[in-house]
Amino acid sequence: MPNTIRLHRVIAAKPEKLYRAFLEPDAIASWLPPFGFTCTVHELDAKVGGNHRMSFRNFTTGKSHSFGGSYLELVPGERLVYTDKFDDPHLPGEMKVTVSLKAVSVGTEVNIEQQGVPDVIPAEACYLGWQESLRKLSRLVEPEINQ
């Protein structure tokens, strides 16, 4: 039975800045892959109905896996809903990711729900990967560099 992963964080940055980090190819490539992986964004058409494609490469082994999907809902500074599907037939099914952003006194409350994670990916490994990615996301968006 596919897993559902739920994450919650408060990040010291404005919702609009976090929203951009989910939709700009260079930003995604810098924070989304967990530690030990690089990311290449092959396509990113950030509009409802638009598609995204990327691949993660394990820096140790050189092996990579690719995935892509489409954007179902985009509400600037508030919400993103998109699908992901691995190209590997051993990782079947389509995942749905919902990202909710809410301004709070110290930044943004971030809630992420990833539904349909393939059975062969242990939930705890998925949580670990997301935690690493969210640390990298914080490091990208929290500095306020105005030069």
C-alpha atoms as a PDB file:
ATOM      1  CA  MET A   1       0.000   0.000   0.000  1.00  0.00           C
ATOM      2  CA  PRO A   2       1.577   3.345  -1.031  1.00  0.00           C
ATOM      3  CA  ASN A   3       2.688   5.626   1.802  1.00  0.00           C
ATOM      4  CA  THR A   4       1.713   9.204   2.602  1.00  0.00           C
ATOM      5  CA  ILE A   5       4.437  11.461   3.988  1.00  0.00           C
ATOM      6  CA  ARG A   6       3.533  14.592   5.972  1.00  0.00           C
ATOM      7  CA  LEU A   7       6.013  17.289   6.984  1.00  0.00           C
ATOM      8  CA  HIS A   8       5.691  20.543   8.891  1.00  0.00           C
ATOM      9  CA  ARG A   9       8.279  23.296   9.332  1.00  0.00           C
ATOM     10  CA  VAL A  10       8.455  26.980  10.112  1.00  0.00           C
ATOM     11  CA  ILE A  11      11.044  28.695   7.927  1.00  0.00           C
ATOM     12  CA  ALA A  12      12.251  32.251   8.540  1.00  0.00           C
ATOM     13  CA  ALA A  13      11.446  33.591   5.079  1.00  0.00           C
ATOM     14  CA  LYS A  14       8.450  35.113   3.346  1.00  0.00           C
ATOM     15  CA  PRO A  15       5.928  32.792   1.635  1.00  0.00           C
ATOM     16  CA  GLU A  16       6.614  34.380  -1.762  1.00  0.00           C
ATOM     17  CA  LYS A  17      10.304  33.536  -1.519  1.00  0.00           C
ATOM     18  CA  LEU A  18       9.569  29.928  -0.560  1.00  0.00           C
ATOM     19  CA  TYR A  19       7.039  29.649  -3.385  1.00  0.00           C
ATOM     20  CA  ARG A  20       9.697  30.765  -5.896  1.00  0.00           C
ATOM     21  CA  ALA A  21      12.126  28.182  -4.502  1.00  0.00           C
ATOM     22  CA  PHE A  22       9.695  25.446  -5.590  1.00  0.00           C
ATOM     23  CA  LEU A  23       9.347  26.796  -9.129  1.00  0.00           C
ATOM     24  CA  GLU A  24      12.721  28.141 -10.264  1.00  0.00           C
ATOM     25  CA  PRO A  25      14.889  25.425 -11.867  1.00  0.00           C
ATOM     26  CA  ASP A  26      18.206  26.592 -10.365  1.00  0.00           C
ATOM     27  CA  ALA A  27      16.653  26.882  -6.907  1.00  0.00           C
ATOM     28  CA  ILE A  28      15.106  23.410  -7.055  1.00  0.00           C
ATOM     29  CA  ALA A  29      18.375  21.899  -8.257  1.00  0.00           C
ATOM     30  CA  SER A  30      20.138  23.425  -5.251  1.00  0.00           C
ATOM     31  CA  TRP A  31      17.817  22.270  -2.466  1.00  0.00           C
ATOM     32  CA  LEU A  32      15.550  19.390  -3.504  1.00  0.00           C
ATOM     33  CA  PRO A  33      18.033  16.507  -3.805  1.00  0.00           C
ATOM     34  CA  PRO A  34      18.984  15.018  -0.429  1.00  0.00           C
ATOM     35  CA  PHE A  35      22.616  15.152   0.704  1.00  0.00           C
ATOM     36  CA  GLY A  36      24.862  13.061  -1.546  1.00  0.00           C
ATOM     37  CA  PHE A  37      22.817  13.704  -4.695  1.00  0.00           C
ATOM     38  CA  THR A  38      22.982  16.237  -7.505  1.00  0.00           C
ATOM     39  CA  CYS A  39      19.974  17.359  -9.529  1.00  0.00           C
ATOM     40  CA  THR A  40      19.487  18.263 -13.161  1.00  0.00           C
ATOM     41  CA  VAL A  41      16.224  19.979 -14.080  1.00  0.00           C
ATOM     42  CA  HIS A  42      15.397  18.981 -17.667  1.00  0.00           C
ATOM     43  CA  GLU A  43      12.055  20.783 -17.933  1.00  0.00           C
ATOM     44  CA  LEU A  44      10.039  23.104 -15.721  1.00  0.00           C
ATOM     45  CA  ASP A  45       6.948  24.844 -17.097  1.00  0.00           C
ATOM     46  CA  ALA A  46       5.544  26.460 -13.945  1.00  0.00           C
ATOM     47  CA  LYS A  47       1.884  26.832 -14.886  1.00  0.00           C
ATOM     48  CA  VAL A  48      -1.221  24.752 -14.233  1.00  0.00           C
ATOM     49  CA  GLY A  49      -1.019  21.901 -16.728  1.00  0.00           C
ATOM     50  CA  GLY A  50       2.701  22.523 -17.257  1.00  0.00           C
ATOM     51  CA  ASN A  51       5.231  19.748 -16.803  1.00  0.00           C
ATOM     52  CA  HIS A  52       8.442  19.255 -14.886  1.00  0.00           C
ATOM     53  CA  ARG A  53      11.207  16.659 -15.368  1.00  0.00           C
ATOM     54  CA  MET A  54      14.396  16.166 -13.422  1.00  0.00           C
ATOM     55  CA  SER A  55      16.930  13.566 -12.427  1.00  0.00           C
ATOM     56  CA  PHE A  56      18.851  12.938  -9.217  1.00  0.00           C
ATOM     57  CA  ARG A  57      22.342  11.432  -9.442  1.00  0.00           C
ATOM     58  CA  ASN A  58      23.965   9.609  -6.536  1.00  0.00           C
ATOM     59  CA  PHE A  59      27.349  11.314  -6.267  1.00  0.00           C
ATOM     60  CA  THR A  60      28.990   8.195  -4.785  1.00  0.00           C
ATOM     61  CA  THR A  61      27.803   5.597  -7.296  1.00  0.00           C
ATOM     62  CA  GLY A  62      27.042   7.806 -10.298  1.00  0.00           C
ATOM     63  CA  LYS A  63      23.675   6.095 -10.724  1.00  0.00           C
ATOM     64  CA  SER A  64      20.678   8.294 -11.371  1.00  0.00           C
ATOM     65  CA  HIS A  65      16.914   8.140 -11.363  1.00  0.00           C
ATOM     66  CA  SER A  66      14.569  10.448 -13.197  1.00  0.00           C
ATOM     67  CA  PHE A  67      11.009  11.526 -12.616  1.00  0.00           C
ATOM     68  CA  GLY A  68       8.512  14.094 -13.741  1.00  0.00           C
ATOM     69  CA  GLY A  69       4.942  15.189 -13.524  1.00  0.00           C
ATOM     70  CA  SER A  70       2.603  18.103 -13.956  1.00  0.00           C
ATOM     71  CA  TYR A  71       1.344  21.079 -11.995  1.00  0.00           C
ATOM     72  CA  LEU A  72      -2.256  20.740 -10.846  1.00  0.00           C
ATOM     73  CA  GLU A  73      -2.629  23.909  -8.759  1.00  0.00           C
ATOM     74  CA  LEU A  74      -0.474  27.013  -8.293  1.00  0.00           C
ATOM     75  CA  VAL A  75      -1.531  29.797  -5.936  1.00  0.00           C
ATOM     76  CA  PRO A  76       1.378  32.260  -5.639  1.00  0.00           C
ATOM     77  CA  GLY A  77       2.769  32.463  -2.118  1.00  0.00           C
ATOM     78  CA  GLU A  78       0.181  29.992  -0.764  1.00  0.00           C
ATOM     79  CA  ARG A  79      -0.073  26.591  -2.405  1.00  0.00           C
ATOM     80  CA  LEU A  80       1.422  24.235  -4.963  1.00  0.00           C
ATOM     81  CA  VAL A  81       0.021  20.874  -6.000  1.00  0.00           C
ATOM     82  CA  TYR A  82       1.913  18.720  -8.459  1.00  0.00           C
ATOM     83  CA  THR A  83       2.398  15.100  -9.469  1.00  0.00           C
ATOM     84  CA  ASP A  84       5.578  13.045  -9.665  1.00  0.00           C
ATOM     85  CA  LYS A  85       6.131   9.722 -11.394  1.00  0.00           C
ATOM     86  CA  PHE A  86       9.417   7.809 -11.533  1.00  0.00           C
ATOM     87  CA  ASP A  87      10.653   6.580 -14.909  1.00  0.00           C
ATOM     88  CA  ASP A  88      11.813   3.338 -13.248  1.00  0.00           C
ATOM     89  CA  PRO A  89       9.115   0.625 -13.653  1.00  0.00           C
ATOM     90  CA  HIS A  90      10.156  -0.777 -10.237  1.00  0.00           C
ATOM     91  CA  LEU A  91       8.851   2.459  -8.677  1.00  0.00           C
ATOM     92  CA  PRO A  92       5.277   2.375  -9.975  1.00  0.00           C
ATOM     93  CA  GLY A  93       2.413   4.774  -9.501  1.00  0.00           C
ATOM     94  CA  GLU A  94       1.950   8.481  -9.431  1.00  0.00           C
ATOM     95  CA  MET A  95       2.614  10.609  -6.368  1.00  0.00           C
ATOM     96  CA  LYS A  96       0.760  13.795  -5.538  1.00  0.00           C
ATOM     97  CA  VAL A  97       2.563  16.520  -3.589  1.00  0.00           C
ATOM     98  CA  THR A  98       0.721  19.369  -1.872  1.00  0.00           C
ATOM     99  CA  VAL A  99       2.734  22.258  -0.454  1.00  0.00           C
ATOM    100  CA  SER A 100       0.887  24.782   1.715  1.00  0.00           C
ATOM    101  CA  LEU A 101       2.511  28.046   2.766  1.00  0.00           C
ATOM    102  CA  LYS A 102       1.122  30.333   5.470  1.00  0.00           C
ATOM    103  CA  ALA A 103       2.649  33.601   6.669  1.00  0.00           C
ATOM    104  CA  VAL A 104       3.340  33.586  10.414  1.00  0.00           C
ATOM    105  CA  SER A 105       5.009  36.134  12.707  1.00  0.00           C
ATOM    106  CA  VAL A 106       8.513  34.713  12.189  1.00  0.00           C
ATOM    107  CA  GLY A 107       8.303  33.637   8.531  1.00  0.00           C
ATOM    108  CA  THR A 108       6.294  30.887   6.876  1.00  0.00           C
ATOM    109  CA  GLU A 109       4.600  27.759   8.119  1.00  0.00           C
ATOM    110  CA  VAL A 110       5.229  25.037   5.540  1.00  0.00           C
ATOM    111  CA  ASN A 111       3.113  21.888   5.302  1.00  0.00           C
ATOM    112  CA  ILE A 112       3.961  19.217   2.735  1.00  0.00           C
ATOM    113  CA  GLU A 113       1.953  16.098   1.992  1.00  0.00           C
ATOM    114  CA  GLN A 114       3.310  13.528  -0.463  1.00  0.00           C
ATOM    115  CA  GLN A 115       0.735  10.863  -1.315  1.00  0.00           C
ATOM    116  CA  GLY A 116       1.339   7.626  -3.180  1.00  0.00           C
ATOM    117  CA  VAL A 117       5.009   7.005  -2.346  1.00  0.00           C
ATOM    118  CA  PRO A 118       5.819   3.583  -3.875  1.00  0.00           C
ATOM    119  CA  ASP A 119       5.912   0.664  -1.436  1.00  0.00           C
ATOM    120  CA  VAL A 120       9.551  -0.133  -2.208  1.00  0.00           C
ATOM    121  CA  ILE A 121      10.632   3.216  -0.719  1.00  0.00           C
ATOM    122  CA  PRO A 122      10.610   2.916   3.078  1.00  0.00           C
ATOM    123  CA  ALA A 123       8.620   5.759   4.659  1.00  0.00           C
ATOM    124  CA  GLU A 124      11.475   6.505   7.065  1.00  0.00           C
ATOM    125  CA  ALA A 125      13.899   6.902   4.136  1.00  0.00           C
ATOM    126  CA  CYS A 126      11.463   9.294   2.499  1.00  0.00           C
ATOM    127  CA  TYR A 127      11.168  11.314   5.716  1.00  0.00           C
ATOM    128  CA  LEU A 128      14.959  11.430   6.065  1.00  0.00           C
ATOM    129  CA  GLY A 129      15.362  12.646   2.485  1.00  0.00           C
ATOM    130  CA  TRP A 130      12.709  15.336   2.894  1.00  0.00           C
ATOM    131  CA  GLN A 131      14.279  16.508   6.180  1.00  0.00           C
ATOM    132  CA  GLU A 132      17.636  16.938   4.463  1.00  0.00           C
ATOM    133  CA  SER A 133      15.995  18.757   1.541  1.00  0.00           C
ATOM    134  CA  LEU A 134      14.113  21.109   3.864  1.00  0.00           C
ATOM    135  CA  ARG A 135      17.355  21.980   5.701  1.00  0.00           C
ATOM    136  CA  LYS A 136      18.867  22.896   2.335  1.00  0.00           C
ATOM    137  CA  LEU A 137      15.728  24.874   1.438  1.00  0.00           C
ATOM    138  CA  SER A 138      16.021  26.882   4.678  1.00  0.00           C
ATOM    139  CA  ARG A 139      19.649  27.685   3.918  1.00  0.00           C
ATOM    140  CA  LEU A 140      18.657  28.966   0.473  1.00  0.00           C
ATOM    141  CA  VAL A 141      15.710  31.165   1.447  1.00  0.00           C
ATOM    142  CA  GLU A 142      16.474  32.420   4.974  1.00  0.00           C
ATOM    143  CA  PRO A 143      19.395  34.724   4.157  1.00  0.00           C
ATOM    144  CA  GLU A 144      18.046  38.149   3.194  1.00  0.00           C
ATOM    145  CA  ILE A 145      20.744  39.459   0.841  1.00  0.00           C
ATOM    146  CA  ASN A 146      19.694  42.809  -0.609  1.00  0.00           C
ATOM    147  CA  GLN A 147      22.688  43.700  -2.796  1.00  0.00           C
END
